[in-house]
């Protein structure tokens, strides 16, 4: 079965006073695992994070080493930087 999603954003950011504050946000927070998934756009960068579940289905077994836990569940992200005042067209294909 093939499934997917395309997210497209077209925007321009100007007159930014705090580059660390999010301007456009679409995030999901998993309280059990303290993970943020989705996208966040500040005055200088756009970041898309996803929660990747590996071969064991994300199950962390008591006694697993830190390496096993990192392999079982991890965050993967992609960041694009841009300059203020530019027209930005972002496309993420999931």
N, C-alpha and C. Protein backbone atom coordinates (compact mmCIF):
# COMPACT_ATOMS: atom_id res chain seq x y z
N UNK A 1 0.83 -1.17 0.00
CA UNK A 1 0.00 0.00 0.00
C UNK A 1 0.88 1.24 0.00
N UNK A 2 0.62 2.16 -0.89
CA UNK A 2 1.39 3.40 -0.97
C UNK A 2 0.58 4.53 -0.35
N UNK A 3 1.18 5.19 0.60
CA UNK A 3 0.55 6.36 1.21
C UNK A 3 1.58 7.46 1.32
N UNK A 4 1.13 8.67 1.46
CA UNK A 4 2.05 9.78 1.61
C UNK A 4 1.31 11.08 1.78
N UNK A 5 2.08 12.12 1.88
CA UNK A 5 1.51 13.45 2.08
C UNK A 5 2.50 14.46 1.53
N UNK A 6 1.98 15.53 0.98
CA UNK A 6 2.81 16.64 0.53
C UNK A 6 2.36 17.89 1.27
N UNK A 7 3.31 18.59 1.87
CA UNK A 7 3.03 19.84 2.57
C UNK A 7 3.75 20.95 1.81
N UNK A 8 3.00 21.95 1.37
CA UNK A 8 3.59 23.08 0.66
C UNK A 8 3.25 24.37 1.38
N UNK A 9 4.25 25.22 1.55
CA UNK A 9 4.08 26.52 2.17
C UNK A 9 4.75 27.57 1.29
N UNK A 10 4.09 28.69 1.11
CA UNK A 10 4.65 29.80 0.36
C UNK A 10 4.51 31.03 1.25
N UNK A 11 5.63 31.65 1.63
CA UNK A 11 5.56 32.76 2.58
C UNK A 11 6.76 33.69 2.42
N UNK A 12 6.64 34.85 3.05
CA UNK A 12 7.73 35.81 3.15
C UNK A 12 7.73 36.33 4.58
N UNK A 13 8.90 36.43 5.18
CA UNK A 13 9.01 36.91 6.54
C UNK A 13 9.86 38.19 6.53
N UNK A 14 9.34 39.23 7.20
CA UNK A 14 10.10 40.47 7.28
C UNK A 14 9.87 41.13 8.64
N UNK A 15 10.74 42.06 8.98
CA UNK A 15 10.67 42.81 10.24
C UNK A 15 10.69 41.89 11.47
N UNK A 16 11.55 40.92 11.46
CA UNK A 16 11.66 39.98 12.57
C UNK A 16 12.39 40.65 13.74
N UNK A 17 11.82 40.54 14.93
CA UNK A 17 12.47 41.11 16.11
C UNK A 17 13.15 40.05 16.97
N UNK A 18 12.70 38.80 16.88
CA UNK A 18 13.32 37.71 17.65
C UNK A 18 13.38 36.47 16.76
N UNK A 19 14.59 36.15 16.29
CA UNK A 19 14.76 35.04 15.36
C UNK A 19 14.56 33.67 15.99
N UNK A 20 14.54 33.59 17.32
CA UNK A 20 14.38 32.29 17.97
C UNK A 20 12.92 31.90 18.17
N UNK A 21 12.00 32.83 18.04
CA UNK A 21 10.57 32.56 18.25
C UNK A 21 9.95 31.92 17.01
N UNK A 22 9.08 30.92 17.20
CA UNK A 22 8.40 30.32 16.05
C UNK A 22 7.37 31.28 15.45
N UNK A 23 7.32 31.33 14.13
CA UNK A 23 6.36 32.16 13.42
C UNK A 23 5.24 31.33 12.81
N UNK A 24 5.57 30.16 12.32
CA UNK A 24 4.60 29.21 11.77
C UNK A 24 4.92 27.86 12.41
N UNK A 25 3.92 27.23 13.01
CA UNK A 25 4.17 25.98 13.72
C UNK A 25 3.03 24.99 13.49
N UNK A 26 3.40 23.74 13.26
CA UNK A 26 2.45 22.64 13.22
C UNK A 26 3.18 21.45 13.83
N UNK A 27 2.99 21.27 15.15
CA UNK A 27 3.74 20.25 15.89
C UNK A 27 2.80 19.35 16.68
N UNK A 28 3.20 18.10 16.78
CA UNK A 28 2.51 17.13 17.62
C UNK A 28 3.49 16.72 18.71
N UNK A 29 3.03 16.68 19.94
CA UNK A 29 3.89 16.36 21.06
C UNK A 29 3.43 15.07 21.71
N UNK A 30 4.33 14.09 21.78
CA UNK A 30 4.03 12.82 22.42
C UNK A 30 4.57 12.88 23.86
N UNK A 31 3.67 13.02 24.83
CA UNK A 31 4.10 13.18 26.22
C UNK A 31 4.79 11.95 26.78
N UNK A 32 4.50 10.78 26.25
CA UNK A 32 5.15 9.56 26.75
C UNK A 32 6.62 9.50 26.38
N UNK A 33 6.96 10.06 25.23
CA UNK A 33 8.33 9.96 24.75
C UNK A 33 9.01 11.30 24.61
N UNK A 34 8.33 12.40 24.98
CA UNK A 34 8.90 13.75 24.90
C UNK A 34 9.45 14.06 23.50
N UNK A 35 8.63 13.84 22.50
CA UNK A 35 9.05 14.00 21.11
C UNK A 35 8.14 14.99 20.41
N UNK A 36 8.73 15.92 19.69
CA UNK A 36 7.98 16.85 18.86
C UNK A 36 8.10 16.41 17.41
N UNK A 37 6.98 16.23 16.73
CA UNK A 37 6.97 15.87 15.32
C UNK A 37 6.18 16.93 14.56
N UNK A 38 6.63 17.27 13.38
CA UNK A 38 5.96 18.27 12.56
C UNK A 38 6.95 19.32 12.10
N UNK A 39 6.44 20.54 11.83
CA UNK A 39 7.36 21.58 11.37
C UNK A 39 7.25 22.84 12.20
N UNK A 40 8.36 23.58 12.21
CA UNK A 40 8.48 24.82 12.96
C UNK A 40 9.28 25.80 12.10
N UNK A 41 8.76 27.01 11.92
CA UNK A 41 9.44 28.00 11.10
C UNK A 41 9.72 29.23 11.94
N UNK A 42 10.99 29.63 11.99
CA UNK A 42 11.40 30.85 12.69
C UNK A 42 11.75 31.90 11.63
N UNK A 43 12.32 33.00 12.06
CA UNK A 43 12.68 34.07 11.13
C UNK A 43 13.87 33.76 10.25
N UNK A 44 14.55 32.63 10.50
CA UNK A 44 15.72 32.32 9.69
C UNK A 44 15.82 30.87 9.22
N UNK A 45 14.91 30.00 9.68
CA UNK A 45 15.01 28.59 9.29
C UNK A 45 13.67 27.88 9.43
N UNK A 46 13.52 26.82 8.64
CA UNK A 46 12.36 25.93 8.73
C UNK A 46 12.89 24.54 9.07
N UNK A 47 12.28 23.91 10.07
CA UNK A 47 12.71 22.58 10.49
C UNK A 47 11.51 21.64 10.47
N UNK A 48 11.72 20.46 9.90
CA UNK A 48 10.70 19.41 9.88
C UNK A 48 11.28 18.21 10.62
N UNK A 49 10.59 17.74 11.65
CA UNK A 49 11.03 16.58 12.44
C UNK A 49 10.01 15.47 12.33
N UNK A 50 10.51 14.25 12.30
CA UNK A 50 9.64 13.09 12.30
C UNK A 50 10.16 12.08 13.29
N UNK A 51 9.28 11.31 13.86
CA UNK A 51 9.64 10.26 14.80
C UNK A 51 9.76 8.98 14.01
N UNK A 52 10.95 8.44 13.94
CA UNK A 52 11.21 7.25 13.14
C UNK A 52 11.25 6.03 14.05
N UNK A 53 10.40 5.07 13.77
CA UNK A 53 10.38 3.84 14.56
C UNK A 53 11.07 2.75 13.76
N UNK A 54 12.12 2.19 14.32
CA UNK A 54 12.95 1.23 13.60
C UNK A 54 12.41 -0.20 13.72
N UNK A 55 13.26 -1.16 13.50
CA UNK A 55 12.88 -2.56 13.33
C UNK A 55 12.08 -3.16 14.47
N UNK A 56 12.31 -2.77 15.71
CA UNK A 56 11.62 -3.41 16.83
C UNK A 56 10.26 -2.80 17.09
N UNK A 57 9.82 -1.89 16.23
CA UNK A 57 8.52 -1.27 16.44
C UNK A 57 8.55 -0.21 17.51
N UNK A 58 9.74 0.24 17.87
CA UNK A 58 9.86 1.31 18.84
C UNK A 58 9.79 0.86 20.28
N UNK A 59 9.76 -0.45 20.51
CA UNK A 59 9.67 -0.95 21.87
C UNK A 59 11.03 -0.84 22.55
N UNK A 60 11.05 -0.18 23.69
CA UNK A 60 12.28 -0.10 24.47
C UNK A 60 12.14 -1.06 25.64
N UNK A 61 13.01 -2.03 25.69
CA UNK A 61 12.96 -3.08 26.70
C UNK A 61 13.88 -2.69 27.84
N UNK A 62 13.41 -2.89 29.06
CA UNK A 62 14.24 -2.58 30.23
C UNK A 62 15.56 -3.34 30.11
N UNK A 63 16.64 -2.62 30.32
CA UNK A 63 17.95 -3.24 30.20
C UNK A 63 18.59 -3.01 28.83
N UNK A 64 17.84 -2.46 27.87
CA UNK A 64 18.43 -2.13 26.57
C UNK A 64 19.56 -1.13 26.76
N UNK A 65 20.58 -1.29 25.97
CA UNK A 65 21.67 -0.30 26.01
C UNK A 65 21.18 1.01 25.38
N UNK A 66 21.91 2.07 25.62
CA UNK A 66 21.56 3.37 25.04
C UNK A 66 21.58 3.28 23.51
N UNK A 67 22.51 2.49 22.96
CA UNK A 67 22.58 2.32 21.50
C UNK A 67 21.33 1.63 20.97
N UNK A 68 20.85 0.59 21.68
CA UNK A 68 19.63 -0.10 21.26
C UNK A 68 18.44 0.84 21.31
N UNK A 69 18.34 1.64 22.36
CA UNK A 69 17.24 2.58 22.49
C UNK A 69 17.28 3.62 21.37
N UNK A 70 18.45 4.12 21.05
CA UNK A 70 18.58 5.10 19.97
C UNK A 70 18.20 4.47 18.64
N UNK A 71 18.53 3.18 18.46
CA UNK A 71 18.18 2.50 17.21
C UNK A 71 16.68 2.28 17.11
N UNK A 72 16.04 1.95 18.23
CA UNK A 72 14.62 1.61 18.22
C UNK A 72 13.73 2.82 17.93
N UNK A 73 14.01 3.95 18.50
CA UNK A 73 13.22 5.15 18.26
C UNK A 73 14.16 6.34 18.16
N UNK A 74 14.00 7.13 17.14
CA UNK A 74 14.84 8.30 17.01
C UNK A 74 14.12 9.38 16.23
N UNK A 75 14.58 10.60 16.41
CA UNK A 75 14.05 11.74 15.67
C UNK A 75 14.92 11.96 14.45
N UNK A 76 14.28 12.18 13.33
CA UNK A 76 15.00 12.57 12.13
C UNK A 76 14.49 13.93 11.73
N UNK A 77 15.39 14.82 11.36
CA UNK A 77 14.97 16.17 11.04
C UNK A 77 15.68 16.72 9.81
N UNK A 78 15.08 17.75 9.26
CA UNK A 78 15.61 18.43 8.09
C UNK A 78 15.42 19.92 8.32
N UNK A 79 16.49 20.70 8.15
CA UNK A 79 16.41 22.14 8.36
C UNK A 79 16.83 22.86 7.09
N UNK A 80 16.05 23.87 6.73
CA UNK A 80 16.37 24.74 5.60
C UNK A 80 16.51 26.17 6.13
N UNK A 81 17.64 26.81 5.83
CA UNK A 81 17.86 28.19 6.27
C UNK A 81 17.50 29.13 5.13
N UNK A 82 17.09 30.36 5.49
CA UNK A 82 16.75 31.36 4.48
C UNK A 82 16.98 32.75 5.05
N UNK A 83 16.99 33.73 4.18
CA UNK A 83 17.21 35.12 4.59
C UNK A 83 15.88 35.85 4.73
N UNK A 84 15.84 36.78 5.66
CA UNK A 84 14.65 37.58 5.88
C UNK A 84 14.34 38.38 4.61
N UNK A 85 13.06 38.49 4.30
CA UNK A 85 12.62 39.26 3.14
C UNK A 85 12.51 38.46 1.85
N UNK A 86 13.08 37.26 1.81
CA UNK A 86 12.97 36.40 0.63
C UNK A 86 11.59 35.76 0.59
N UNK A 87 11.08 35.53 -0.62
CA UNK A 87 9.87 34.73 -0.77
C UNK A 87 10.30 33.28 -0.73
N UNK A 88 9.70 32.52 0.17
CA UNK A 88 10.09 31.12 0.38
C UNK A 88 8.95 30.21 -0.05
N UNK A 89 9.30 29.20 -0.82
CA UNK A 89 8.33 28.16 -1.18
C UNK A 89 8.94 26.85 -0.71
N UNK A 90 8.35 26.24 0.31
CA UNK A 90 8.82 24.97 0.86
C UNK A 90 7.88 23.85 0.46
N UNK A 91 8.45 22.73 0.10
CA UNK A 91 7.66 21.53 -0.19
C UNK A 91 8.30 20.36 0.53
N UNK A 92 7.54 19.70 1.37
CA UNK A 92 7.97 18.47 2.02
C UNK A 92 7.10 17.34 1.50
N UNK A 93 7.71 16.29 0.99
CA UNK A 93 6.98 15.11 0.53
C UNK A 93 7.30 14.00 1.52
N UNK A 94 6.25 13.48 2.13
CA UNK A 94 6.42 12.47 3.17
C UNK A 94 5.92 11.14 2.63
